[in-house]
Amino acid sequence: MGSGLAEKANLSFDGHPITAVPGAGGVSNPVRVSMTGMDLGISYGPFLQEAYRGEPPFREAYPQLRLVAKLIVNTLHLFANPKLNLETAADIKTLDGSVRMGSGLPGSGELFCLRAVLSVLGADLEEWQVDGPVLRLAATSQRFNDWKDGRLEVAMTFVNDPSPPLTELMFTRPGRFLPMPEELLPVLRQRWGFVEILVPAGTYPNQEYEVRTVGLPSILFTVKDVDEEIVYAATKALYENQAYMRKVHPGFEHWEPADLPTDVEVPFHAGAIQYYQEQGLMDIDPQNLEEN
């Protein structure tokens, strides 16, 4: 996704001022972009808001962060060995040390989601681990290999549907997708901005039932001092190359151009504001505009 956006944005310049490099994770990216001189990054609203304010897990505030655009929604999938007879995501609270569970590395969206779900269930991640399952933290590829080889009984991933790697995974070793209890949804939405997602039956192999879960939109962001021309070009490239972006990532099939991340309490960058105002997508005085 980042490479595709960079390719189109660079058409506005002589040379290639925008280069895509692998990220360090949704939680880590705001710090990385703020501290290393990178121009753009991708993260999620809760992480950007907490980083901007200097709230945990961030040790300091990063007031230079600025929003550019809302991208596609990533879906939380929690799946288990059917032999465990787990019914919903709430059942992970009762897992014990005989179960091996896989989540993402520190700084990943998966681990953030696990901590958030446990919090809504009244459990702290670190305390839960004392008597809970054996928690294996790994990158997505390793976690999927662990599931395929039977080294995990429960696993989670944070992807855009339909995900080819998850499709292959469920074909190789089927799992039971665990729905999010309806009573947890309002709290997840209020605290962190999660959105409800209904995954239709048949989205993945052996998934013959609808799954209610949650997701977070990914957000393109930058920092205040990045050149307005670069941010303008990146915003323009995103909004004016939708057919191309759908080829780059199928998640753009349901992307809504007018759906700006105005619910994230971080200011927009001036370059993005310029483009949105030209297109009639933004009023002159929303609260979270770039500060003068």
C-alpha atoms as a PDB file:
ATOM      1  CA  MET A   1       0.000   0.000   0.000  1.00  0.00           C
ATOM      2  CA  GLY A   2       2.757   2.442   0.936  1.00  0.00           C
ATOM      3  CA  SER A   3       4.767   1.592  -2.175  1.00  0.00           C
ATOM      4  CA  GLY A   4       1.788   2.147  -4.441  1.00  0.00           C
ATOM      5  CA  LEU A   5       1.000   5.508  -2.904  1.00  0.00           C
ATOM      6  CA  ALA A   6       4.648   6.597  -3.126  1.00  0.00           C
ATOM      7  CA  GLU A   7       4.815   5.609  -6.788  1.00  0.00           C
ATOM      8  CA  LYS A   8       1.854   7.799  -7.741  1.00  0.00           C
ATOM      9  CA  ALA A   9       2.840  10.726  -5.502  1.00  0.00           C
ATOM     10  CA  ASN A  10       6.341  10.832  -6.990  1.00  0.00           C
ATOM     11  CA  LEU A  11       4.852  11.602 -10.415  1.00  0.00           C
ATOM     12  CA  SER A  12       4.379  15.161  -9.130  1.00  0.00           C
ATOM     13  CA  PHE A  13       8.135  15.647  -8.662  1.00  0.00           C
ATOM     14  CA  ASP A  14      11.446  15.392 -10.460  1.00  0.00           C
ATOM     15  CA  GLY A  15      13.090  12.433  -8.805  1.00  0.00           C
ATOM     16  CA  HIS A  16      11.606  10.272  -6.058  1.00  0.00           C
ATOM     17  CA  PRO A  17      11.329  12.250  -2.808  1.00  0.00           C
ATOM     18  CA  ILE A  18       8.855   9.752  -1.317  1.00  0.00           C
ATOM     19  CA  THR A  19      10.157   6.253  -0.578  1.00  0.00           C
ATOM     20  CA  ALA A  20       8.259   3.426   1.110  1.00  0.00           C
ATOM     21  CA  VAL A  21      10.089   1.394   3.764  1.00  0.00           C
ATOM     22  CA  PRO A  22       8.731  -1.378   6.029  1.00  0.00           C
ATOM     23  CA  GLY A  23       7.120  -0.069   9.212  1.00  0.00           C
ATOM     24  CA  ALA A  24       7.893  -1.046  12.770  1.00  0.00           C
ATOM     25  CA  GLY A  25       4.265  -1.571  13.804  1.00  0.00           C
ATOM     26  CA  GLY A  26       1.224   0.604  14.397  1.00  0.00           C
ATOM     27  CA  VAL A  27       2.324   1.640  17.882  1.00  0.00           C
ATOM     28  CA  SER A  28       5.968   2.181  16.957  1.00  0.00           C
ATOM     29  CA  ASN A  29       5.425   4.110  13.720  1.00  0.00           C
ATOM     30  CA  PRO A  30       4.401   7.461  15.284  1.00  0.00           C
ATOM     31  CA  VAL A  31       7.642   7.520  17.264  1.00  0.00           C
ATOM     32  CA  ARG A  32       9.702   6.370  14.304  1.00  0.00           C
ATOM     33  CA  VAL A  33       8.364   9.034  11.956  1.00  0.00           C
ATOM     34  CA  SER A  34       8.670  11.736  14.619  1.00  0.00           C
ATOM     35  CA  MET A  35      12.267  10.903  15.514  1.00  0.00           C
ATOM     36  CA  THR A  36      13.940   9.759  12.284  1.00  0.00           C
ATOM     37  CA  GLY A  37      13.014  12.403   9.726  1.00  0.00           C
ATOM     38  CA  MET A  38      10.675  10.189   7.699  1.00  0.00           C
ATOM     39  CA  ASP A  39       7.952  12.066   5.869  1.00  0.00           C
ATOM     40  CA  LEU A  40       4.933   9.777   6.159  1.00  0.00           C
ATOM     41  CA  GLY A  41       3.776   6.766   8.124  1.00  0.00           C
ATOM     42  CA  ILE A  42       0.765   4.513   8.659  1.00  0.00           C
ATOM     43  CA  SER A  43      -0.765   3.822  12.055  1.00  0.00           C
ATOM     44  CA  TYR A  44      -4.165   3.774  13.775  1.00  0.00           C
ATOM     45  CA  GLY A  45      -6.207   6.521  15.384  1.00  0.00           C
ATOM     46  CA  PRO A  46      -5.832   5.383  19.026  1.00  0.00           C
ATOM     47  CA  PHE A  47      -2.047   5.128  18.696  1.00  0.00           C
ATOM     48  CA  LEU A  48      -1.713   8.541  17.045  1.00  0.00           C
ATOM     49  CA  GLN A  49      -3.948  10.172  19.635  1.00  0.00           C
ATOM     50  CA  GLU A  50      -2.045   8.631  22.560  1.00  0.00           C
ATOM     51  CA  ALA A  51       1.308   9.544  21.012  1.00  0.00           C
ATOM     52  CA  TYR A  52       0.155  13.118  20.385  1.00  0.00           C
ATOM     53  CA  ARG A  53      -0.896  13.465  24.035  1.00  0.00           C
ATOM     54  CA  GLY A  54       1.980  11.473  25.521  1.00  0.00           C
ATOM     55  CA  GLU A  55      -0.300   8.866  27.073  1.00  0.00           C
ATOM     56  CA  PRO A  56       0.663   5.200  27.684  1.00  0.00           C
ATOM     57  CA  PRO A  57       2.212   3.275  26.060  1.00  0.00           C
ATOM     58  CA  PHE A  58       4.149   6.371  24.942  1.00  0.00           C
ATOM     59  CA  ARG A  59       6.678   7.832  27.366  1.00  0.00           C
ATOM     60  CA  GLU A  60       6.466  11.364  25.985  1.00  0.00           C
ATOM     61  CA  ALA A  61       4.206  13.501  23.829  1.00  0.00           C
ATOM     62  CA  TYR A  62       4.736  13.965  20.104  1.00  0.00           C
ATOM     63  CA  PRO A  63       2.838  17.199  19.400  1.00  0.00           C
ATOM     64  CA  GLN A  64       4.390  17.437  15.934  1.00  0.00           C
ATOM     65  CA  LEU A  65       2.184  14.590  14.626  1.00  0.00           C
ATOM     66  CA  ARG A  66      -0.281  15.517  11.891  1.00  0.00           C
ATOM     67  CA  LEU A  67      -3.055  13.639  10.077  1.00  0.00           C
ATOM     68  CA  VAL A  68      -3.164  13.168   6.326  1.00  0.00           C
ATOM     69  CA  ALA A  69      -5.902  10.662   5.421  1.00  0.00           C
ATOM     70  CA  LYS A  70      -7.975   7.726   6.549  1.00  0.00           C
ATOM     71  CA  LEU A  71      -7.079   4.568   4.649  1.00  0.00           C
ATOM     72  CA  ILE A  72      -8.629   1.091   4.854  1.00  0.00           C
ATOM     73  CA  VAL A  73     -10.084  -0.788   7.796  1.00  0.00           C
ATOM     74  CA  ASN A  74      -8.173  -3.679   9.327  1.00  0.00           C
ATOM     75  CA  THR A  75     -10.250  -6.437  10.906  1.00  0.00           C
ATOM     76  CA  LEU A  76      -9.447  -8.241  14.140  1.00  0.00           C
ATOM     77  CA  HIS A  77      -9.689 -12.010  13.715  1.00  0.00           C
ATOM     78  CA  LEU A  78      -9.476 -14.264  16.749  1.00  0.00           C
ATOM     79  CA  PHE A  79      -9.617 -17.953  15.938  1.00  0.00           C
ATOM     80  CA  ALA A  80      -9.230 -21.154  17.919  1.00  0.00           C
ATOM     81  CA  ASN A  81      -8.907 -24.891  17.605  1.00  0.00           C
ATOM     82  CA  PRO A  82     -12.532 -26.115  17.430  1.00  0.00           C
ATOM     83  CA  LYS A  83     -11.691 -28.781  20.008  1.00  0.00           C
ATOM     84  CA  LEU A  84     -11.431 -26.048  22.675  1.00  0.00           C
ATOM     85  CA  ASN A  85     -15.163 -25.348  22.286  1.00  0.00           C
ATOM     86  CA  LEU A  86     -14.699 -21.595  22.681  1.00  0.00           C
ATOM     87  CA  GLU A  87     -17.809 -19.651  21.709  1.00  0.00           C
ATOM     88  CA  THR A  88     -16.843 -15.960  21.756  1.00  0.00           C
ATOM     89  CA  ALA A  89     -13.811 -13.726  22.117  1.00  0.00           C
ATOM     90  CA  ALA A  90     -14.724 -13.293  25.786  1.00  0.00           C
ATOM     91  CA  ASP A  91     -13.739 -16.904  26.415  1.00  0.00           C
ATOM     92  CA  ILE A  92     -10.044 -16.090  26.080  1.00  0.00           C
ATOM     93  CA  LYS A  93     -10.233 -14.680  29.612  1.00  0.00           C
ATOM     94  CA  THR A  94     -10.713 -18.220  30.930  1.00  0.00           C
ATOM     95  CA  LEU A  95      -7.772 -19.830  29.093  1.00  0.00           C
ATOM     96  CA  ASP A  96      -5.139 -21.496  31.248  1.00  0.00           C
ATOM     97  CA  GLY A  97      -1.522 -22.518  30.903  1.00  0.00           C
ATOM     98  CA  SER A  98      -2.347 -25.643  28.927  1.00  0.00           C
ATOM     99  CA  VAL A  99      -3.231 -23.494  25.899  1.00  0.00           C
ATOM    100  CA  ARG A 100      -0.748 -21.803  23.572  1.00  0.00           C
ATOM    101  CA  MET A 101      -1.927 -18.531  22.055  1.00  0.00           C
ATOM    102  CA  GLY A 102      -0.290 -16.378  19.391  1.00  0.00           C
ATOM    103  CA  SER A 103      -0.388 -12.593  19.103  1.00  0.00           C
ATOM    104  CA  GLY A 104       1.749  -9.880  17.529  1.00  0.00           C
ATOM    105  CA  LEU A 105       5.059  -8.437  18.611  1.00  0.00           C
ATOM    106  CA  PRO A 106       5.233  -5.447  20.990  1.00  0.00           C
ATOM    107  CA  GLY A 107       4.099  -2.395  19.041  1.00  0.00           C
ATOM    108  CA  SER A 108       1.773  -4.410  16.811  1.00  0.00           C
ATOM    109  CA  GLY A 109      -1.918  -3.919  16.210  1.00  0.00           C
ATOM    110  CA  GLU A 110      -2.629  -7.468  17.363  1.00  0.00           C
ATOM    111  CA  LEU A 111      -1.116  -6.989  20.799  1.00  0.00           C
ATOM    112  CA  PHE A 112      -2.905  -3.663  21.204  1.00  0.00           C
ATOM    113  CA  CYS A 113      -6.208  -5.340  20.331  1.00  0.00           C
ATOM    114  CA  LEU A 114      -5.558  -8.175  22.777  1.00  0.00           C
ATOM    115  CA  ARG A 115      -4.836  -5.717  25.566  1.00  0.00           C
ATOM    116  CA  ALA A 116      -7.952  -3.691  24.691  1.00  0.00           C
ATOM    117  CA  VAL A 117     -10.278  -6.720  24.637  1.00  0.00           C
ATOM    118  CA  LEU A 118      -8.913  -8.018  27.935  1.00  0.00           C
ATOM    119  CA  SER A 119      -9.306  -4.566  29.470  1.00  0.00           C
ATOM    120  CA  VAL A 120     -12.989  -4.463  28.510  1.00  0.00           C
ATOM    121  CA  LEU A 121     -13.328  -7.931  30.033  1.00  0.00           C
ATOM    122  CA  GLY A 122     -11.883  -6.596  33.286  1.00  0.00           C
ATOM    123  CA  ALA A 123      -8.450  -8.195  32.933  1.00  0.00           C
ATOM    124  CA  ASP A 124      -4.934  -6.785  32.727  1.00  0.00           C
ATOM    125  CA  LEU A 125      -2.695  -8.391  30.096  1.00  0.00           C
ATOM    126  CA  GLU A 126       0.283  -8.951  32.388  1.00  0.00           C
ATOM    127  CA  GLU A 127      -1.843 -10.299  35.240  1.00  0.00           C
ATOM    128  CA  TRP A 128      -3.808 -12.511  32.848  1.00  0.00           C
ATOM    129  CA  GLN A 129      -0.577 -14.091  31.616  1.00  0.00           C
ATOM    130  CA  VAL A 130       0.337 -15.324  35.106  1.00  0.00           C
ATOM    131  CA  ASP A 131      -2.364 -18.001  35.141  1.00  0.00           C
ATOM    132  CA  GLY A 132      -3.493 -17.678  31.530  1.00  0.00           C
ATOM    133  CA  PRO A 133      -2.282 -19.278  28.308  1.00  0.00           C
ATOM    134  CA  VAL A 134       1.284 -19.485  27.083  1.00  0.00           C
ATOM    135  CA  LEU A 135       1.403 -16.302  24.990  1.00  0.00           C
ATOM    136  CA  ARG A 136       3.740 -16.416  22.004  1.00  0.00           C
ATOM    137  CA  LEU A 137       4.470 -13.020  20.444  1.00  0.00           C
ATOM    138  CA  ALA A 138       5.642 -13.191  16.852  1.00  0.00           C
ATOM    139  CA  ALA A 139       5.435 -11.508  13.470  1.00  0.00           C
ATOM    140  CA  THR A 140       2.481 -12.501  11.307  1.00  0.00           C
ATOM    141  CA  SER A 141       4.400 -14.937   9.103  1.00  0.00           C
ATOM    142  CA  GLN A 142       5.848 -16.802  12.085  1.00  0.00           C
ATOM    143  CA  ARG A 143       2.509 -16.813  13.895  1.00  0.00           C
ATOM    144  CA  PHE A 144       0.779 -18.270  10.840  1.00  0.00           C
ATOM    145  CA  ASN A 145       3.455 -20.945  10.518  1.00  0.00           C
ATOM    146  CA  ASP A 146       2.996 -21.788  14.202  1.00  0.00           C
ATOM    147  CA  TRP A 147      -0.729 -22.216  13.603  1.00  0.00           C
ATOM    148  CA  LYS A 148      -0.208 -24.377  10.521  1.00  0.00           C
ATOM    149  CA  ASP A 149       2.196 -26.647  12.408  1.00  0.00           C
ATOM    150  CA  GLY A 150      -0.108 -27.048  15.400  1.00  0.00           C
ATOM    151  CA  ARG A 151       2.036 -25.066  17.828  1.00  0.00           C
ATOM    152  CA  LEU A 152      -0.895 -22.745  18.672  1.00  0.00           C
ATOM    153  CA  GLU A 153      -4.442 -23.490  19.809  1.00  0.00           C
ATOM    154  CA  VAL A 154      -5.593 -19.863  19.662  1.00  0.00           C
ATOM    155  CA  ALA A 155      -4.296 -17.068  17.441  1.00  0.00           C
ATOM    156  CA  MET A 156      -5.189 -13.579  16.354  1.00  0.00           C
ATOM    157  CA  THR A 157      -4.424 -11.406  13.381  1.00  0.00           C
ATOM    158  CA  PHE A 158      -5.265  -7.874  12.271  1.00  0.00           C
ATOM    159  CA  VAL A 159      -5.776  -7.788   8.499  1.00  0.00           C
ATOM    160  CA  ASN A 160      -7.913  -6.355   5.751  1.00  0.00           C
ATOM    161  CA  ASP A 161     -10.561  -8.744   4.461  1.00  0.00           C
ATOM    162  CA  PRO A 162     -10.394 -10.835   2.438  1.00  0.00           C
ATOM    163  CA  SER A 163      -6.813 -11.681   3.327  1.00  0.00           C
ATOM    164  CA  PRO A 164      -5.058 -14.178   0.995  1.00  0.00           C
ATOM    165  CA  PRO A 165      -2.641 -15.346   3.745  1.00  0.00           C
ATOM    166  CA  LEU A 166      -5.539 -15.922   6.149  1.00  0.00           C
ATOM    167  CA  THR A 167      -7.454 -17.748   3.413  1.00  0.00           C
ATOM    168  CA  GLU A 168      -4.495 -20.078   2.890  1.00  0.00           C
ATOM    169  CA  LEU A 169      -4.148 -20.526   6.642  1.00  0.00           C
ATOM    170  CA  MET A 170      -7.774 -21.561   7.127  1.00  0.00           C
ATOM    171  CA  PHE A 171      -7.559 -23.929   4.170  1.00  0.00           C
ATOM    172  CA  THR A 172      -4.431 -25.584   5.593  1.00  0.00           C
ATOM    173  CA  ARG A 173      -5.676 -25.879   9.177  1.00  0.00           C
ATOM    174  CA  PRO A 174      -9.245 -24.687   9.824  1.00  0.00           C
ATOM    175  CA  GLY A 175     -10.024 -22.750  12.966  1.00  0.00           C
ATOM    176  CA  ARG A 176     -13.167 -21.472  14.630  1.00  0.00           C
ATOM    177  CA  PHE A 177     -13.544 -17.668  14.309  1.00  0.00           C
ATOM    178  CA  LEU A 178     -14.651 -16.223  17.647  1.00  0.00           C
ATOM    179  CA  PRO A 179     -17.227 -13.413  17.491  1.00  0.00           C
ATOM    180  CA  MET A 180     -16.987 -10.335  19.660  1.00  0.00           C
ATOM    181  CA  PRO A 181     -19.795 -10.255  22.264  1.00  0.00           C
ATOM    182  CA  GLU A 182     -22.254  -7.518  21.403  1.00  0.00           C
ATOM    183  CA  GLU A 183     -22.049  -5.975  24.888  1.00  0.00           C
ATOM    184  CA  LEU A 184     -18.333  -5.259  24.438  1.00  0.00           C
ATOM    185  CA  LEU A 185     -18.771  -3.244  21.234  1.00  0.00           C
ATOM    186  CA  PRO A 186     -19.899   0.108  22.733  1.00  0.00           C
ATOM    187  CA  VAL A 187     -16.939   0.200  25.130  1.00  0.00           C
ATOM    188  CA  LEU A 188     -14.416  -0.703  22.434  1.00  0.00           C
ATOM    189  CA  ARG A 189     -15.893   2.001  20.221  1.00  0.00           C
ATOM    190  CA  GLN A 190     -15.952   4.662  22.931  1.00  0.00           C
ATOM    191  CA  ARG A 191     -12.474   4.040  24.343  1.00  0.00           C
ATOM    192  CA  TRP A 192     -10.458   3.407  21.189  1.00  0.00           C
ATOM    193  CA  GLY A 193     -12.611   4.112  18.149  1.00  0.00           C
ATOM    194  CA  PHE A 194     -13.117   0.508  17.059  1.00  0.00           C
ATOM    195  CA  VAL A 195     -15.825  -0.021  14.454  1.00  0.00           C
ATOM    196  CA  GLU A 196     -18.130  -3.039  14.272  1.00  0.00           C
ATOM    197  CA  ILE A 197     -17.492  -5.376  11.347  1.00  0.00           C
ATOM    198  CA  LEU A 198     -19.651  -8.245  10.130  1.00  0.00           C
ATOM    199  CA  VAL A 199     -17.582 -10.787   8.230  1.00  0.00           C
ATOM    200  CA  PRO A 200     -19.969 -12.571   5.855  1.00  0.00           C
ATOM    201  CA  ALA A 201     -20.194 -16.351   5.877  1.00  0.00           C
ATOM    202  CA  GLY A 202     -17.887 -17.881   3.315  1.00  0.00           C
ATOM    203  CA  THR A 203     -15.288 -15.124   3.475  1.00  0.00           C
ATOM    204  CA  TYR A 204     -12.743 -17.751   4.520  1.00  0.00           C
ATOM    205  CA  PRO A 205     -12.553 -21.542   4.007  1.00  0.00           C
ATOM    206  CA  ASN A 206     -14.706 -23.567   6.427  1.00  0.00           C
ATOM    207  CA  GLN A 207     -16.274 -20.353   7.771  1.00  0.00           C
ATOM    208  CA  GLU A 208     -19.930 -21.101   7.150  1.00  0.00           C
ATOM    209  CA  TYR A 209     -21.244 -18.498   9.598  1.00  0.00           C
ATOM    210  CA  GLU A 210     -21.244 -14.728   9.952  1.00  0.00           C
ATOM    211  CA  VAL A 211     -18.707 -13.330  12.397  1.00  0.00           C
ATOM    212  CA  ARG A 212     -19.220 -10.105  14.326  1.00  0.00           C
ATOM    213  CA  THR A 213     -15.887  -8.544  15.203  1.00  0.00           C
ATOM    214  CA  VAL A 214     -14.193  -5.142  15.314  1.00  0.00           C
ATOM    215  CA  GLY A 215     -11.644  -3.219  13.302  1.00  0.00           C
ATOM    216  CA  LEU A 216      -9.687   0.004  13.104  1.00  0.00           C
ATOM    217  CA  PRO A 217      -9.108   2.225  10.072  1.00  0.00           C
ATOM    218  CA  SER A 218      -5.449   2.684   9.235  1.00  0.00           C
ATOM    219  CA  ILE A 219      -4.408   6.321   8.962  1.00  0.00           C
ATOM    220  CA  LEU A 220      -1.756   8.012   6.853  1.00  0.00           C
ATOM    221  CA  PHE A 221       0.079  10.555   8.997  1.00  0.00           C
ATOM    222  CA  THR A 222       3.073  12.861   8.970  1.00  0.00           C
ATOM    223  CA  VAL A 223       4.723  15.490  11.151  1.00  0.00           C
ATOM    224  CA  LYS A 224       4.265  19.245  11.106  1.00  0.00           C
ATOM    225  CA  ASP A 225       7.575  20.202   9.470  1.00  0.00           C
ATOM    226  CA  VAL A 226       7.207  17.991   6.385  1.00  0.00           C
ATOM    227  CA  ASP A 227       6.988  20.067   3.204  1.00  0.00           C
ATOM    228  CA  GLU A 228       3.391  20.962   2.318  1.00  0.00           C
ATOM    229  CA  GLU A 229       4.046  20.089  -1.326  1.00  0.00           C
ATOM    230  CA  ILE A 230       4.939  16.497  -0.433  1.00  0.00           C
ATOM    231  CA  VAL A 231       1.896  15.993   1.775  1.00  0.00           C
ATOM    232  CA  TYR A 232      -0.365  17.628  -0.825  1.00  0.00           C
ATOM    233  CA  ALA A 233       1.017  15.306  -3.526  1.00  0.00           C
ATOM    234  CA  ALA A 234       0.527  12.215  -1.333  1.00  0.00           C
ATOM    235  CA  THR A 235      -3.061  13.210  -0.529  1.00  0.00           C
ATOM    236  CA  LYS A 236      -3.815  13.958  -4.171  1.00  0.00           C
ATOM    237  CA  ALA A 237      -2.273  10.652  -5.268  1.00  0.00           C
ATOM    238  CA  LEU A 238      -4.456   8.729  -2.827  1.00  0.00           C
ATOM    239  CA  TYR A 239      -7.699  10.441  -3.814  1.00  0.00           C
ATOM    240  CA  GLU A 240      -7.187  10.569  -7.573  1.00  0.00           C
ATOM    241  CA  ASN A 241      -5.883   7.060  -8.256  1.00  0.00           C
ATOM    242  CA  GLN A 242      -8.571   4.845  -6.804  1.00  0.00           C
ATOM    243  CA  ALA A 243      -8.594   2.287  -9.610  1.00  0.00           C
ATOM    244  CA  TYR A 244      -4.856   1.860  -9.158  1.00  0.00           C
ATOM    245  CA  MET A 245      -5.070   1.699  -5.351  1.00  0.00           C
ATOM    246  CA  ARG A 246      -7.735  -1.023  -5.587  1.00  0.00           C
ATOM    247  CA  LYS A 247      -5.250  -3.089  -7.583  1.00  0.00           C
ATOM    248  CA  VAL A 248      -2.561  -2.417  -4.977  1.00  0.00           C
ATOM    249  CA  HIS A 249      -4.821  -3.443  -2.089  1.00  0.00           C
ATOM    250  CA  PRO A 250      -8.364  -4.888  -2.303  1.00  0.00           C
ATOM    251  CA  GLY A 251      -9.355  -2.990   0.830  1.00  0.00           C
ATOM    252  CA  PHE A 252      -9.730   0.171  -1.247  1.00  0.00           C
ATOM    253  CA  GLU A 253     -12.781  -1.377  -2.912  1.00  0.00           C
ATOM    254  CA  HIS A 254     -14.862  -0.041   0.005  1.00  0.00           C
ATOM    255  CA  TRP A 255     -12.857   3.114   0.701  1.00  0.00           C
ATOM    256  CA  GLU A 256     -14.903   6.303   1.063  1.00  0.00           C
ATOM    257  CA  PRO A 257     -13.020   9.471  -0.036  1.00  0.00           C
ATOM    258  CA  ALA A 258     -15.193  11.783   2.051  1.00  0.00           C
ATOM    259  CA  ASP A 259     -14.597   9.787   5.237  1.00  0.00           C
ATOM    260  CA  LEU A 260     -11.888  11.923   6.851  1.00  0.00           C
ATOM    261  CA  PRO A 261     -10.367  10.935  10.240  1.00  0.00           C
ATOM    262  CA  THR A 262     -11.957  13.890  12.027  1.00  0.00           C
ATOM    263  CA  ASP A 263     -12.695  11.701  15.076  1.00  0.00           C
ATOM    264  CA  VAL A 264      -8.952  11.509  15.869  1.00  0.00           C
ATOM    265  CA  GLU A 265      -7.866  14.360  18.142  1.00  0.00           C
ATOM    266  CA  VAL A 266      -4.727  15.188  16.169  1.00  0.00           C
ATOM    267  CA  PRO A 267      -4.479  18.201  13.795  1.00  0.00           C
ATOM    268  CA  PHE A 268      -4.381  17.778  10.040  1.00  0.00           C
ATOM    269  CA  HIS A 269      -1.272  18.765   8.095  1.00  0.00           C
ATOM    270  CA  ALA A 270      -1.537  21.983   6.067  1.00  0.00           C
ATOM    271  CA  GLY A 271      -0.763  20.138   2.812  1.00  0.00           C
ATOM    272  CA  ALA A 272      -3.691  17.762   3.342  1.00  0.00           C
ATOM    273  CA  ILE A 273      -5.966  20.621   4.350  1.00  0.00           C
ATOM    274  CA  GLN A 274      -5.183  22.443   1.101  1.00  0.00           C
ATOM    275  CA  TYR A 275      -6.216  19.453  -0.988  1.00  0.00           C
ATOM    276  CA  TYR A 276      -9.376  18.743   1.006  1.00  0.00           C
ATOM    277  CA  GLN A 277     -10.535  22.340   0.807  1.00  0.00           C
ATOM    278  CA  GLU A 278      -9.951  22.410  -2.953  1.00  0.00           C
ATOM    279  CA  GLN A 279     -12.127  19.314  -3.296  1.00  0.00           C
ATOM    280  CA  GLY A 280     -14.854  20.598  -0.989  1.00  0.00           C
ATOM    281  CA  LEU A 281     -14.216  17.807   1.509  1.00  0.00           C
ATOM    282  CA  MET A 282     -13.330  20.019   4.466  1.00  0.00           C
ATOM    283  CA  ASP A 283     -14.809  23.163   5.951  1.00  0.00           C
ATOM    284  CA  ILE A 284     -12.583  26.102   6.785  1.00  0.00           C
ATOM    285  CA  ASP A 285     -12.703  25.729  10.538  1.00  0.00           C
ATOM    286  CA  PRO A 286     -12.861  22.130  11.842  1.00  0.00           C
ATOM    287  CA  GLN A 287     -11.429  21.860  15.348  1.00  0.00           C
ATOM    288  CA  ASN A 288      -8.536  19.638  14.432  1.00  0.00           C
ATOM    289  CA  LEU A 289      -7.041  21.655  11.585  1.00  0.00           C
ATOM    290  CA  GLU A 290      -3.324  22.381  11.432  1.00  0.00           C
ATOM    291  CA  GLU A 291      -2.402  25.010  14.003  1.00  0.00           C
ATOM    292  CA  ASN A 292      -1.001  28.305  12.740  1.00  0.00           C
END
